[in-house]
Amino acid sequence: MNSYETVFILTPVLSEEQAKEAVQAFESKVKDLKGKVSHSESWGLRKLAYPIQKKSTGFYFLTEFQAPGSAIGELEVMFKRDERVMRFLTVKMDKDHLAYSETRRARLGAKKKPAAEAEA
């Protein structure tokens, strides 16, 4: 099984619950294709670099997963057919990419902990 990273942008007209539903649908499709989701994060509503479908913002999501190579084609077909998805990009992760991803998550986790402790 190979490691992959997918970033996709959902249309901003969705509610947060509908956006979460779309992410869960993607994750369940990965599991149906004998894959495993290792990490998923929401980057929130962001301004786009250029308008897509006459929209200037979108909900960004990042998902890292392991899956057989044959699963990627089916996942991309699912993204193309889903009207909620404005853009997507799937990248195969090599060992350096995996190492960077782990250090990035650790760094972000360390930044979030003090803020949570300050609120308590």
PDB file of N, CA and C in Angstrom:
ATOM      1  N   MET A   1       0.839  -1.179   0.000  1.00  0.00           N
ATOM      2  CA  MET A   1       0.000   0.000   0.000  1.00  0.00           C
ATOM      3  C   MET A   1       0.886   1.244   0.000  1.00  0.00           C
ATOM      4  N   ASN A   2       0.449   2.218  -0.746  1.00  0.00           N
ATOM      5  CA  ASN A   2       1.163   3.485  -0.862  1.00  0.00           C
ATOM      6  C   ASN A   2       0.519   4.523   0.046  1.00  0.00           C
ATOM      7  N   SER A   3       1.287   5.538   0.392  1.00  0.00           N
ATOM      8  CA  SER A   3       0.767   6.647   1.181  1.00  0.00           C
ATOM      9  C   SER A   3       0.434   7.804   0.241  1.00  0.00           C
ATOM     10  N   TYR A   4      -0.699   8.437   0.490  1.00  0.00           N
ATOM     11  CA  TYR A   4      -1.166   9.540  -0.337  1.00  0.00           C
ATOM     12  C   TYR A   4      -1.639  10.683   0.542  1.00  0.00           C
ATOM     13  N   GLU A   5      -1.667  11.870  -0.060  1.00  0.00           N
ATOM     14  CA  GLU A   5      -2.193  13.058   0.593  1.00  0.00           C
ATOM     15  C   GLU A   5      -3.140  13.722  -0.401  1.00  0.00           C
ATOM     16  N   THR A   6      -4.338  14.025   0.051  1.00  0.00           N
ATOM     17  CA  THR A   6      -5.311  14.702  -0.799  1.00  0.00           C
ATOM     18  C   THR A   6      -5.740  16.002  -0.136  1.00  0.00           C
ATOM     19  N   VAL A   7      -5.691  17.069  -0.891  1.00  0.00           N
ATOM     20  CA  VAL A   7      -6.232  18.353  -0.458  1.00  0.00           C
ATOM     21  C   VAL A   7      -7.413  18.632  -1.367  1.00  0.00           C
ATOM     22  N   PHE A   8      -8.551  18.946  -0.773  1.00  0.00           N
ATOM     23  CA  PHE A   8      -9.714  19.273  -1.601  1.00  0.00           C
ATOM     24  C   PHE A   8     -10.430  20.483  -1.037  1.00  0.00           C
ATOM     25  N   ILE A   9     -11.094  21.192  -1.953  1.00  0.00           N
ATOM     26  CA  ILE A   9     -11.809  22.426  -1.611  1.00  0.00           C
ATOM     27  C   ILE A   9     -13.289  22.187  -1.843  1.00  0.00           C
ATOM     28  N   LEU A  10     -14.076  22.426  -0.800  1.00  0.00           N
ATOM     29  CA  LEU A  10     -15.527  22.292  -0.895  1.00  0.00           C
ATOM     30  C   LEU A  10     -16.155  23.667  -1.069  1.00  0.00           C
ATOM     31  N   THR A  11     -17.280  23.695  -1.721  1.00  0.00           N
ATOM     32  CA  THR A  11     -17.990  24.945  -1.985  1.00  0.00           C
ATOM     33  C   THR A  11     -18.372  25.646  -0.676  1.00  0.00           C
ATOM     34  N   PRO A  12     -18.288  26.953  -0.619  1.00  0.00           N
ATOM     35  CA  PRO A  12     -18.558  27.680   0.626  1.00  0.00           C
ATOM     36  C   PRO A  12     -20.038  27.780   0.989  1.00  0.00           C
ATOM     37  N   VAL A  13     -20.940  27.358   0.122  1.00  0.00           N
ATOM     38  CA  VAL A  13     -22.365  27.452   0.429  1.00  0.00           C
ATOM     39  C   VAL A  13     -22.814  26.344   1.378  1.00  0.00           C
ATOM     40  N   LEU A  14     -21.934  25.390   1.674  1.00  0.00           N
ATOM     41  CA  LEU A  14     -22.274  24.301   2.580  1.00  0.00           C
ATOM     42  C   LEU A  14     -22.215  24.757   4.030  1.00  0.00           C
ATOM     43  N   SER A  15     -23.047  24.131   4.865  1.00  0.00           N
ATOM     44  CA  SER A  15     -22.920  24.365   6.303  1.00  0.00           C
ATOM     45  C   SER A  15     -21.745  23.520   6.797  1.00  0.00           C
ATOM     46  N   GLU A  16     -21.321  23.760   8.031  1.00  0.00           N
ATOM     47  CA  GLU A  16     -20.191  22.990   8.560  1.00  0.00           C
ATOM     48  C   GLU A  16     -20.547  21.513   8.648  1.00  0.00           C
ATOM     49  N   GLU A  17     -21.793  21.196   8.979  1.00  0.00           N
ATOM     50  CA  GLU A  17     -22.227  19.796   9.054  1.00  0.00           C
ATOM     51  C   GLU A  17     -22.164  19.134   7.677  1.00  0.00           C
ATOM     52  N   GLN A  18     -22.589  19.849   6.648  1.00  0.00           N
ATOM     53  CA  GLN A  18     -22.543  19.291   5.295  1.00  0.00           C
ATOM     54  C   GLN A  18     -21.101  19.085   4.841  1.00  0.00           C
ATOM     55  N   ALA A  19     -20.218  19.986   5.227  1.00  0.00           N
ATOM     56  CA  ALA A  19     -18.801  19.838   4.886  1.00  0.00           C
ATOM     57  C   ALA A  19     -18.226  18.611   5.586  1.00  0.00           C
ATOM     58  N   LYS A  20     -18.574  18.419   6.854  1.00  0.00           N
ATOM     59  CA  LYS A  20     -18.099  17.240   7.587  1.00  0.00           C
ATOM     60  C   LYS A  20     -18.636  15.956   6.957  1.00  0.00           C
ATOM     61  N   GLU A  21     -19.878  16.002   6.486  1.00  0.00           N
ATOM     62  CA  GLU A  21     -20.464  14.836   5.791  1.00  0.00           C
ATOM     63  C   GLU A  21     -19.654  14.484   4.552  1.00  0.00           C
ATOM     64  N   ALA A  22     -19.256  15.485   3.791  1.00  0.00           N
ATOM     65  CA  ALA A  22     -18.475  15.250   2.576  1.00  0.00           C
ATOM     66  C   ALA A  22     -17.125  14.619   2.915  1.00  0.00           C
ATOM     67  N   VAL A  23     -16.495  15.096   3.977  1.00  0.00           N
ATOM     68  CA  VAL A  23     -15.206  14.536   4.402  1.00  0.00           C
ATOM     69  C   VAL A  23     -15.399  13.093   4.861  1.00  0.00           C
ATOM     70  N   GLN A  24     -16.459  12.830   5.614  1.00  0.00           N
ATOM     71  CA  GLN A  24     -16.725  11.467   6.076  1.00  0.00           C
ATOM     72  C   GLN A  24     -17.016  10.544   4.902  1.00  0.00           C
ATOM     73  N   ALA A  25     -17.680  11.041   3.875  1.00  0.00           N
ATOM     74  CA  ALA A  25     -17.955  10.227   2.686  1.00  0.00           C
ATOM     75  C   ALA A  25     -16.645   9.837   2.008  1.00  0.00           C
ATOM     76  N   PHE A  26     -15.711  10.789   1.912  1.00  0.00           N
ATOM     77  CA  PHE A  26     -14.407  10.497   1.319  1.00  0.00           C
ATOM     78  C   PHE A  26     -13.664   9.465   2.150  1.00  0.00           C
ATOM     79  N   GLU A  27     -13.643   9.646   3.474  1.00  0.00           N
ATOM     80  CA  GLU A  27     -12.934   8.710   4.343  1.00  0.00           C
ATOM     81  C   GLU A  27     -13.552   7.314   4.300  1.00  0.00           C
ATOM     82  N   SER A  28     -14.870   7.238   4.232  1.00  0.00           N
ATOM     83  CA  SER A  28     -15.504   5.917   4.153  1.00  0.00           C
ATOM     84  C   SER A  28     -15.217   5.248   2.808  1.00  0.00           C
ATOM     85  N   LYS A  29     -15.104   6.037   1.741  1.00  0.00           N
ATOM     86  CA  LYS A  29     -14.746   5.483   0.432  1.00  0.00           C
ATOM     87  C   LYS A  29     -13.328   4.911   0.459  1.00  0.00           C
ATOM     88  N   VAL A  30     -12.412   5.597   1.139  1.00  0.00           N
ATOM     89  CA  VAL A  30     -11.042   5.090   1.283  1.00  0.00           C
ATOM     90  C   VAL A  30     -11.078   3.743   2.008  1.00  0.00           C
ATOM     91  N   LYS A  31     -11.859   3.658   3.077  1.00  0.00           N
ATOM     92  CA  LYS A  31     -11.961   2.402   3.834  1.00  0.00           C
ATOM     93  C   LYS A  31     -12.604   1.301   3.000  1.00  0.00           C
ATOM     94  N   ASP A  32     -13.599   1.647   2.188  1.00  0.00           N
ATOM     95  CA  ASP A  32     -14.246   0.660   1.312  1.00  0.00           C
ATOM     96  C   ASP A  32     -13.272   0.092   0.298  1.00  0.00           C
ATOM     97  N   LEU A  33     -12.292   0.880  -0.099  1.00  0.00           N
ATOM     98  CA  LEU A  33     -11.296   0.457  -1.086  1.00  0.00           C
ATOM     99  C   LEU A  33     -10.083  -0.191  -0.420  1.00  0.00           C
ATOM    100  N   LYS A  34     -10.264  -0.655   0.822  1.00  0.00           N
ATOM    101  CA  LYS A  34      -9.218  -1.341   1.586  1.00  0.00           C
ATOM    102  C   LYS A  34      -8.054  -0.430   1.947  1.00  0.00           C
ATOM    103  N   GLY A  35      -8.362   0.836   2.183  1.00  0.00           N
ATOM    104  CA  GLY A  35      -7.355   1.800   2.597  1.00  0.00           C
ATOM    105  C   GLY A  35      -7.539   2.167   4.051  1.00  0.00           C
ATOM    106  N   LYS A  36      -6.654   3.037   4.540  1.00  0.00           N
ATOM    107  CA  LYS A  36      -6.714   3.457   5.935  1.00  0.00           C
ATOM    108  C   LYS A  36      -6.361   4.942   6.010  1.00  0.00           C
ATOM    109  N   VAL A  37      -7.230   5.724   6.634  1.00  0.00           N
ATOM    110  CA  VAL A  37      -6.982   7.159   6.810  1.00  0.00           C
ATOM    111  C   VAL A  37      -6.088   7.330   8.029  1.00  0.00           C
ATOM    112  N   SER A  38      -4.936   7.984   7.843  1.00  0.00           N
ATOM    113  CA  SER A  38      -4.003   8.167   8.955  1.00  0.00           C
ATOM    114  C   SER A  38      -4.132   9.542   9.609  1.00  0.00           C
ATOM    115  N   HIS A  39      -4.536  10.546   8.842  1.00  0.00           N
ATOM    116  CA  HIS A  39      -4.661  11.894   9.400  1.00  0.00           C
ATOM    117  C   HIS A  39      -5.622  12.705   8.536  1.00  0.00           C
ATOM    118  N   SER A  40      -6.404  13.534   9.203  1.00  0.00           N
ATOM    119  CA  SER A  40      -7.330  14.406   8.485  1.00  0.00           C
ATOM    120  C   SER A  40      -7.409  15.724   9.249  1.00  0.00           C
ATOM    121  N   GLU A  41      -7.386  16.826   8.523  1.00  0.00           N
ATOM    122  CA  GLU A  41      -7.515  18.117   9.190  1.00  0.00           C
ATOM    123  C   GLU A  41      -8.262  19.099   8.300  1.00  0.00           C
ATOM    124  N   SER A  42      -8.949  20.002   8.977  1.00  0.00           N
ATOM    125  CA  SER A  42      -9.692  21.050   8.290  1.00  0.00           C
ATOM    126  C   SER A  42      -8.887  22.332   8.376  1.00  0.00           C
ATOM    127  N   TRP A  43      -8.703  22.994   7.239  1.00  0.00           N
ATOM    128  CA  TRP A  43      -8.008  24.275   7.224  1.00  0.00           C
ATOM    129  C   TRP A  43      -9.002  25.422   7.270  1.00  0.00           C
ATOM    130  N   GLY A  44     -10.285  25.095   7.266  1.00  0.00           N
ATOM    131  CA  GLY A  44     -11.315  26.110   7.400  1.00  0.00           C
ATOM    132  C   GLY A  44     -11.656  26.813   6.096  1.00  0.00           C
ATOM    133  N   LEU A  45     -12.442  27.852   6.233  1.00  0.00           N
ATOM    134  CA  LEU A  45     -12.871  28.657   5.088  1.00  0.00           C
ATOM    135  C   LEU A  45     -11.758  29.633   4.738  1.00  0.00           C
ATOM    136  N   ARG A  46     -11.272  29.550   3.493  1.00  0.00           N
ATOM    137  CA  ARG A  46     -10.164  30.408   3.056  1.00  0.00           C
ATOM    138  C   ARG A  46     -10.499  31.080   1.732  1.00  0.00           C
ATOM    139  N   LYS A  47      -9.834  32.184   1.510  1.00  0.00           N
ATOM    140  CA  LYS A  47      -9.986  32.901   0.247  1.00  0.00           C
ATOM    141  C   LYS A  47      -9.207  32.160  -0.832  1.00  0.00           C
ATOM    142  N   LEU A  48      -9.811  32.025  -1.995  1.00  0.00           N
ATOM    143  CA  LEU A  48      -9.167  31.362  -3.124  1.00  0.00           C
ATOM    144  C   LEU A  48      -8.241  32.334  -3.852  1.00  0.00           C
ATOM    145  N   ALA A  49      -7.227  31.805  -4.509  1.00  0.00           N
ATOM    146  CA  ALA A  49      -6.306  32.638  -5.270  1.00  0.00           C
ATOM    147  C   ALA A  49      -6.996  33.248  -6.488  1.00  0.00           C
ATOM    148  N   TYR A  50      -7.966  32.539  -7.023  1.00  0.00           N
ATOM    149  CA  TYR A  50      -8.739  33.026  -8.165  1.00  0.00           C
ATOM    150  C   TYR A  50     -10.141  32.425  -8.069  1.00  0.00           C
ATOM    151  N   PRO A  51     -11.134  33.064  -8.644  1.00  0.00           N
ATOM    152  CA  PRO A  51     -12.504  32.548  -8.532  1.00  0.00           C
ATOM    153  C   PRO A  51     -12.663  31.177  -9.203  1.00  0.00           C
ATOM    154  N   ILE A  52     -13.389  30.306  -8.535  1.00  0.00           N
ATOM    155  CA  ILE A  52     -13.742  28.992  -9.074  1.00  0.00           C
ATOM    156  C   ILE A  52     -15.259  28.894  -9.001  1.00  0.00           C
ATOM    157  N   GLN A  53     -15.900  28.633 -10.115  1.00  0.00           N
ATOM    158  CA  GLN A  53     -17.359  28.560 -10.198  1.00  0.00           C
ATOM    159  C   GLN A  53     -18.002  29.822  -9.603  1.00  0.00           C
ATOM    160  N   LYS A  54     -17.410  30.969  -9.883  1.00  0.00           N
ATOM    161  CA  LYS A  54     -17.873  32.278  -9.432  1.00  0.00           C
ATOM    162  C   LYS A  54     -17.874  32.418  -7.898  1.00  0.00           C
ATOM    163  N   LYS A  55     -17.039  31.648  -7.231  1.00  0.00           N
ATOM    164  CA  LYS A  55     -16.919  31.714  -5.774  1.00  0.00           C
ATOM    165  C   LYS A  55     -15.499  32.129  -5.426  1.00  0.00           C
ATOM    166  N   SER A  56     -15.350  32.959  -4.390  1.00  0.00           N
ATOM    167  CA  SER A  56     -14.019  33.451  -4.030  1.00  0.00           C
ATOM    168  C   SER A  56     -13.474  32.814  -2.753  1.00  0.00           C
ATOM    169  N   THR A  57     -14.271  31.968  -2.086  1.00  0.00           N
ATOM    170  CA  THR A  57     -13.812  31.259  -0.884  1.00  0.00           C
ATOM    171  C   THR A  57     -14.179  29.789  -0.980  1.00  0.00           C
ATOM    172  N   GLY A  58     -13.602  28.985  -0.097  1.00  0.00           N
ATOM    173  CA  GLY A  58     -13.917  27.561  -0.066  1.00  0.00           C
ATOM    174  C   GLY A  58     -13.405  26.925   1.214  1.00  0.00           C
ATOM    175  N   PHE A  59     -13.994  25.798   1.590  1.00  0.00           N
ATOM    176  CA  PHE A  59     -13.551  25.028   2.755  1.00  0.00           C
ATOM    177  C   PHE A  59     -12.430  24.100   2.313  1.00  0.00           C
ATOM    178  N   TYR A  60     -11.261  24.253   2.916  1.00  0.00           N
ATOM    179  CA  TYR A  60     -10.098  23.425   2.579  1.00  0.00           C
ATOM    180  C   TYR A  60      -9.981  22.261   3.562  1.00  0.00           C
ATOM    181  N   PHE A  61      -9.672  21.075   3.035  1.00  0.00           N
ATOM    182  CA  PHE A  61      -9.451  19.893   3.864  1.00  0.00           C
ATOM    183  C   PHE A  61      -8.222  19.145   3.367  1.00  0.00           C
ATOM    184  N   LEU A  62      -7.460  18.582   4.304  1.00  0.00           N
ATOM    185  CA  LEU A  62      -6.290  17.771   4.004  1.00  0.00           C
ATOM    186  C   LEU A  62      -6.525  16.396   4.609  1.00  0.00           C
ATOM    187  N   THR A  63      -6.280  15.345   3.825  1.00  0.00           N
ATOM    188  CA  THR A  63      -6.415  13.980   4.310  1.00  0.00           C
ATOM    189  C   THR A  63      -5.209  13.174   3.866  1.00  0.00           C
ATOM    190  N   GLU A  64      -4.595  12.484   4.822  1.00  0.00           N
ATOM    191  CA  GLU A  64      -3.495  11.570   4.518  1.00  0.00           C
ATOM    192  C   GLU A  64      -4.017  10.156   4.714  1.00  0.00           C
ATOM    193  N   PHE A  65      -3.674   9.268   3.771  1.00  0.00           N
ATOM    194  CA  PHE A  65      -4.174   7.902   3.861  1.00  0.00           C
ATOM    195  C   PHE A  65      -3.246   6.937   3.142  1.00  0.00           C
ATOM    196  N   GLN A  66      -3.408   5.650   3.470  1.00  0.00           N
ATOM    197  CA  GLN A  66      -2.720   4.575   2.767  1.00  0.00           C
ATOM    198  C   GLN A  66      -3.778   3.805   1.986  1.00  0.00           C
ATOM    199  N   ALA A  67      -3.469   3.486   0.738  1.00  0.00           N
ATOM    200  CA  ALA A  67      -4.411   2.757  -0.100  1.00  0.00           C
ATOM    201  C   ALA A  67      -3.646   2.105  -1.247  1.00  0.00           C
ATOM    202  N   PRO A  68      -4.220   1.063  -1.832  1.00  0.00           N
ATOM    203  CA  PRO A  68      -3.596   0.494  -3.028  1.00  0.00           C
ATOM    204  C   PRO A  68      -3.668   1.501  -4.180  1.00  0.00           C
ATOM    205  N   GLY A  69      -2.737   1.419  -5.116  1.00  0.00           N
ATOM    206  CA  GLY A  69      -2.691   2.364  -6.227  1.00  0.00           C
ATOM    207  C   GLY A  69      -3.947   2.382  -7.069  1.00  0.00           C
ATOM    208  N   SER A  70      -4.626   1.241  -7.168  1.00  0.00           N
ATOM    209  CA  SER A  70      -5.836   1.163  -7.986  1.00  0.00           C
ATOM    210  C   SER A  70      -6.990   1.971  -7.391  1.00  0.00           C
ATOM    211  N   ALA A  71      -6.925   2.304  -6.111  1.00  0.00           N
ATOM    212  CA  ALA A  71      -8.008   3.028  -5.449  1.00  0.00           C
ATOM    213  C   ALA A  71      -8.047   4.500  -5.836  1.00  0.00           C
ATOM    214  N   ILE A  72      -6.917   5.049  -6.253  1.00  0.00           N
ATOM    215  CA  ILE A  72      -6.848   6.485  -6.529  1.00  0.00           C
ATOM    216  C   ILE A  72      -7.777   6.881  -7.674  1.00  0.00           C
ATOM    217  N   GLY A  73      -7.831   6.082  -8.708  1.00  0.00           N
ATOM    218  CA  GLY A  73      -8.720   6.381  -9.828  1.00  0.00           C
ATOM    219  C   GLY A  73     -10.171   6.458  -9.394  1.00  0.00           C
ATOM    220  N   GLU A  74     -10.589   5.518  -8.550  1.00  0.00           N
ATOM    221  CA  GLU A  74     -11.974   5.516  -8.070  1.00  0.00           C
ATOM    222  C   GLU A  74     -12.253   6.723  -7.170  1.00  0.00           C
ATOM    223  N   LEU A  75     -11.278   7.095  -6.352  1.00  0.00           N
ATOM    224  CA  LEU A  75     -11.460   8.260  -5.488  1.00  0.00           C
ATOM    225  C   LEU A  75     -11.577   9.538  -6.314  1.00  0.00           C
ATOM    226  N   GLU A  76     -10.769   9.655  -7.347  1.00  0.00           N
ATOM    227  CA  GLU A  76     -10.823  10.850  -8.186  1.00  0.00           C
ATOM    228  C   GLU A  76     -12.136  10.932  -8.958  1.00  0.00           C
ATOM    229  N   VAL A  77     -12.666   9.798  -9.389  1.00  0.00           N
ATOM    230  CA  VAL A  77     -13.980   9.795 -10.042  1.00  0.00           C
ATOM    231  C   VAL A  77     -15.045  10.276  -9.063  1.00  0.00           C
ATOM    232  N   MET A  78     -14.939   9.838  -7.798  1.00  0.00           N
ATOM    233  CA  MET A  78     -15.892  10.272  -6.782  1.00  0.00           C
ATOM    234  C   MET A  78     -15.831  11.791  -6.606  1.00  0.00           C
ATOM    235  N   PHE A  79     -14.608  12.355  -6.560  1.00  0.00           N
ATOM    236  CA  PHE A  79     -14.462  13.801  -6.421  1.00  0.00           C
ATOM    237  C   PHE A  79     -15.050  14.536  -7.621  1.00  0.00           C
ATOM    238  N   LYS A  80     -14.819  14.034  -8.819  1.00  0.00           N
ATOM    239  CA  LYS A  80     -15.316  14.706 -10.028  1.00  0.00           C
ATOM    240  C   LYS A  80     -16.834  14.704 -10.088  1.00  0.00           C
ATOM    241  N   ARG A  81     -17.454  13.653  -9.580  1.00  0.00           N
ATOM    242  CA  ARG A  81     -18.915  13.546  -9.624  1.00  0.00           C
ATOM    243  C   ARG A  81     -19.611  14.320  -8.513  1.00  0.00           C
ATOM    244  N   ASP A  82     -18.898  14.606  -7.446  1.00  0.00           N
ATOM    245  CA  ASP A  82     -19.488  15.282  -6.295  1.00  0.00           C
ATOM    246  C   ASP A  82     -19.552  16.788  -6.551  1.00  0.00           C
ATOM    247  N   GLU A  83     -20.738  17.342  -6.544  1.00  0.00           N
ATOM    248  CA  GLU A  83     -20.926  18.762  -6.831  1.00  0.00           C
ATOM    249  C   GLU A  83     -20.382  19.664  -5.722  1.00  0.00           C
ATOM    250  N   ARG A  84     -20.196  19.108  -4.534  1.00  0.00           N
ATOM    251  CA  ARG A  84     -19.691  19.907  -3.415  1.00  0.00           C
ATOM    252  C   ARG A  84     -18.199  20.211  -3.556  1.00  0.00           C
ATOM    253  N   VAL A  85     -17.482  19.386  -4.321  1.00  0.00           N
ATOM    254  CA  VAL A  85     -16.030  19.530  -4.465  1.00  0.00           C
ATOM    255  C   VAL A  85     -15.720  20.463  -5.633  1.00  0.00           C
ATOM    256  N   MET A  86     -14.999  21.554  -5.341  1.00  0.00           N
ATOM    257  CA  MET A  86     -14.625  22.502  -6.393  1.00  0.00           C
ATOM    258  C   MET A  86     -13.288  22.121  -7.017  1.00  0.00           C
ATOM    259  N   ARG A  87     -12.317  21.720  -6.209  1.00  0.00           N
ATOM    260  CA  ARG A  87     -10.995  21.307  -6.686  1.00  0.00           C
ATOM    261  C   ARG A  87     -10.452  20.241  -5.757  1.00  0.00           C
ATOM    262  N   PHE A  88      -9.540  19.408  -6.273  1.00  0.00           N
ATOM    263  CA  PHE A  88      -8.856  18.418  -5.446  1.00  0.00           C
ATOM    264  C   PHE A  88      -7.497  18.123  -6.061  1.00  0.00           C
ATOM    265  N   LEU A  89      -6.603  17.651  -5.221  1.00  0.00           N
ATOM    266  CA  LEU A  89      -5.274  17.254  -5.675  1.00  0.00           C
ATOM    267  C   LEU A  89      -4.803  16.108  -4.789  1.00  0.00           C
ATOM    268  N   THR A  90      -4.420  14.999  -5.411  1.00  0.00           N
ATOM    269  CA  THR A  90      -3.903  13.839  -4.691  1.00  0.00           C
ATOM    270  C   THR A  90      -2.447  13.648  -5.071  1.00  0.00           C
ATOM    271  N   VAL A  91      -1.598  13.472  -4.060  1.00  0.00           N
ATOM    272  CA  VAL A  91      -0.164  13.334  -4.259  1.00  0.00           C
ATOM    273  C   VAL A  91       0.309  12.076  -3.549  1.00  0.00           C
ATOM    274  N   LYS A  92       1.158  11.305  -4.225  1.00  0.00           N
ATOM    275  CA  LYS A  92       1.772  10.142  -3.592  1.00  0.00           C
ATOM    276  C   LYS A  92       2.911  10.631  -2.708  1.00  0.00           C
ATOM    277  N   MET A  93       2.937  10.167  -1.463  1.00  0.00           N
ATOM    278  CA  MET A  93       3.926  10.629  -0.500  1.00  0.00           C
ATOM    279  C   MET A  93       5.126   9.682  -0.477  1.00  0.00           C
ATOM    280  N   ASP A  94       6.346  10.244  -0.585  1.00  0.00           N
ATOM    281  CA  ASP A  94       7.550   9.435  -0.437  1.00  0.00           C
ATOM    282  C   ASP A  94       8.019   9.528   1.020  1.00  0.00           C
ATOM    283  N   LYS A  95       9.138   8.899   1.342  1.00  0.00           N
ATOM    284  CA  LYS A  95       9.592   8.862   2.742  1.00  0.00           C
ATOM    285  C   LYS A  95       9.904  10.249   3.293  1.00  0.00           C
ATOM    286  N   ASP A  96      10.455  11.145   2.459  1.00  0.00           N
ATOM    287  CA  ASP A  96      10.754  12.500   2.924  1.00  0.00           C
ATOM    288  C   ASP A  96       9.473  13.285   3.198  1.00  0.00           C
ATOM    289  N   HIS A  97       8.497  13.100   2.340  1.00  0.00           N
ATOM    290  CA  HIS A  97       7.201  13.764   2.513  1.00  0.00           C
ATOM    291  C   HIS A  97       6.529  13.273   3.799  1.00  0.00           C
ATOM    292  N   LEU A  98       6.602  11.957   4.055  1.00  0.00           N
ATOM    293  CA  LEU A  98       6.020  11.400   5.276  1.00  0.00           C
ATOM    294  C   LEU A  98       6.711  11.973   6.516  1.00  0.00           C
ATOM    295  N   ALA A  99       8.046  12.070   6.481  1.00  0.00           N
ATOM    296  CA  ALA A  99       8.791  12.612   7.618  1.00  0.00           C
ATOM    297  C   ALA A  99       8.422  14.073   7.859  1.00  0.00           C
ATOM    298  N   TYR A 100       8.326  14.858   6.778  1.00  0.00           N
ATOM    299  CA  TYR A 100       7.941  16.261   6.913  1.00  0.00           C
ATOM    300  C   TYR A 100       6.540  16.387   7.500  1.00  0.00           C
ATOM    301  N   SER A 101       5.638  15.550   7.035  1.00  0.00           N
ATOM    302  CA  SER A 101       4.255  15.585   7.502  1.00  0.00           C
ATOM    303  C   SER A 101       4.179  15.305   8.999  1.00  0.00           C
ATOM    304  N   GLU A 102       4.952  14.331   9.468  1.00  0.00           N
ATOM    305  CA  GLU A 102       4.944  13.998  10.894  1.00  0.00           C
ATOM    306  C   GLU A 102       5.502  15.145  11.735  1.00  0.00           C
ATOM    307  N   THR A 103       6.597  15.765  11.278  1.00  0.00           N
ATOM    308  CA  THR A 103       7.166  16.876  12.041  1.00  0.00           C
ATOM    309  C   THR A 103       6.230  18.088  12.018  1.00  0.00           C
ATOM    310  N   ARG A 104       5.548  18.307  10.915  1.00  0.00           N
ATOM    311  CA  ARG A 104       4.593  19.412  10.813  1.00  0.00           C
ATOM    312  C   ARG A 104       3.440  19.218  11.798  1.00  0.00           C
ATOM    313  N   ARG A 105       2.916  17.992  11.868  1.00  0.00           N
ATOM    314  CA  ARG A 105       1.827  17.706  12.812  1.00  0.00           C
ATOM    315  C   ARG A 105       2.296  17.889  14.244  1.00  0.00           C
ATOM    316  N   ALA A 106       3.516  17.441  14.555  1.00  0.00           N
ATOM    317  CA  ALA A 106       4.052  17.586  15.910  1.00  0.00           C
ATOM    318  C   ALA A 106       4.218  19.063  16.258  1.00  0.00           C
ATOM    319  N   ARG A 107       4.693  19.850  15.295  1.00  0.00           N
ATOM    320  CA  ARG A 107       4.880  21.279  15.505  1.00  0.00           C
ATOM    321  C   ARG A 107       3.540  21.978  15.723  1.00  0.00           C
ATOM    322  N   LEU A 108       2.545  21.633  14.924  1.00  0.00           N
ATOM    323  CA  LEU A 108       1.222  22.237  15.080  1.00  0.00           C
ATOM    324  C   LEU A 108       0.577  21.808  16.383  1.00  0.00           C
ATOM    325  N   GLY A 109       0.774  20.562  16.765  1.00  0.00           N
ATOM    326  CA  GLY A 109       0.237  20.070  18.035  1.00  0.00           C
ATOM    327  C   GLY A 109       0.857  20.796  19.211  1.00  0.00           C
ATOM    328  N   ALA A 110       2.154  21.085  19.135  1.00  0.00           N
ATOM    329  CA  ALA A 110       2.841  21.802  20.208  1.00  0.00           C
ATOM    330  C   ALA A 110       2.338  23.241  20.304  1.00  0.00           C
ATOM    331  N   LYS A 111       2.022  23.863  19.176  1.00  0.00           N
ATOM    332  CA  LYS A 111       1.509  25.235  19.190  1.00  0.00           C
ATOM    333  C   LYS A 111       0.115  25.302  19.788  1.00  0.00           C
ATOM    334  N   LYS A 112      -0.689  24.278  19.551  1.00  0.00           N
ATOM    335  CA  LYS A 112      -2.074  24.298  20.024  1.00  0.00           C
ATOM    336  C   LYS A 112      -2.187  24.006  21.507  1.00  0.00           C
ATOM    337  N   LYS A 113      -1.281  23.244  22.086  1.00  0.00           N
ATOM    338  CA  LYS A 113      -1.365  22.843  23.498  1.00  0.00           C
ATOM    339  C   LYS A 113      -1.320  24.028  24.464  1.00  0.00           C
ATOM    340  N   PRO A 114      -0.390  24.969  24.326  1.00  0.00           N
ATOM    341  CA  PRO A 114      -0.353  26.078  25.279  1.00  0.00           C
ATOM    342  C   PRO A 114      -1.636  26.914  25.258  1.00  0.00           C
ATOM    343  N   ALA A 115      -2.225  27.102  24.098  1.00  0.00           N
ATOM    344  CA  ALA A 115      -3.469  27.876  24.012  1.00  0.00           C
ATOM    345  C   ALA A 115      -4.586  27.160  24.756  1.00  0.00           C
ATOM    346  N   ALA A 116      -4.633  25.847  24.652  1.00  0.00           N
ATOM    347  CA  ALA A 116      -5.667  25.079  25.345  1.00  0.00           C
ATOM    348  C   ALA A 116      -5.440  25.143  26.849  1.00  0.00           C
ATOM    349  N   GLU A 117      -4.179  25.130  27.281  1.00  0.00           N
ATOM    350  CA  GLU A 117      -3.886  25.203  28.709  1.00  0.00           C
ATOM    351  C   GLU A 117      -4.213  26.586  29.242  1.00  0.00           C
ATOM    352  N   ALA A 118      -4.017  27.618  28.447  1.00  0.00           N
ATOM    353  CA  ALA A 118      -4.298  28.992  28.880  1.00  0.00           C
ATOM    354  C   ALA A 118      -5.796  29.203  29.114  1.00  0.00           C
ATOM    355  N   GLU A 119      -6.624  28.517  28.296  1.00  0.00           N
ATOM    356  CA  GLU A 119      -8.072  28.663  28.455  1.00  0.00           C
ATOM    357  C   GLU A 119      -8.583  27.950  29.690  1.00  0.00           C
ATOM    358  N   ALA A 120      -7.913  26.894  30.115  1.00  0.00           N
ATOM    359  CA  ALA A 120      -8.384  26.068  31.240  1.00  0.00           C
ATOM    360  C   ALA A 120      -8.267  26.769  32.562  1.00  0.00           C
TER     361      ALA A 120
END
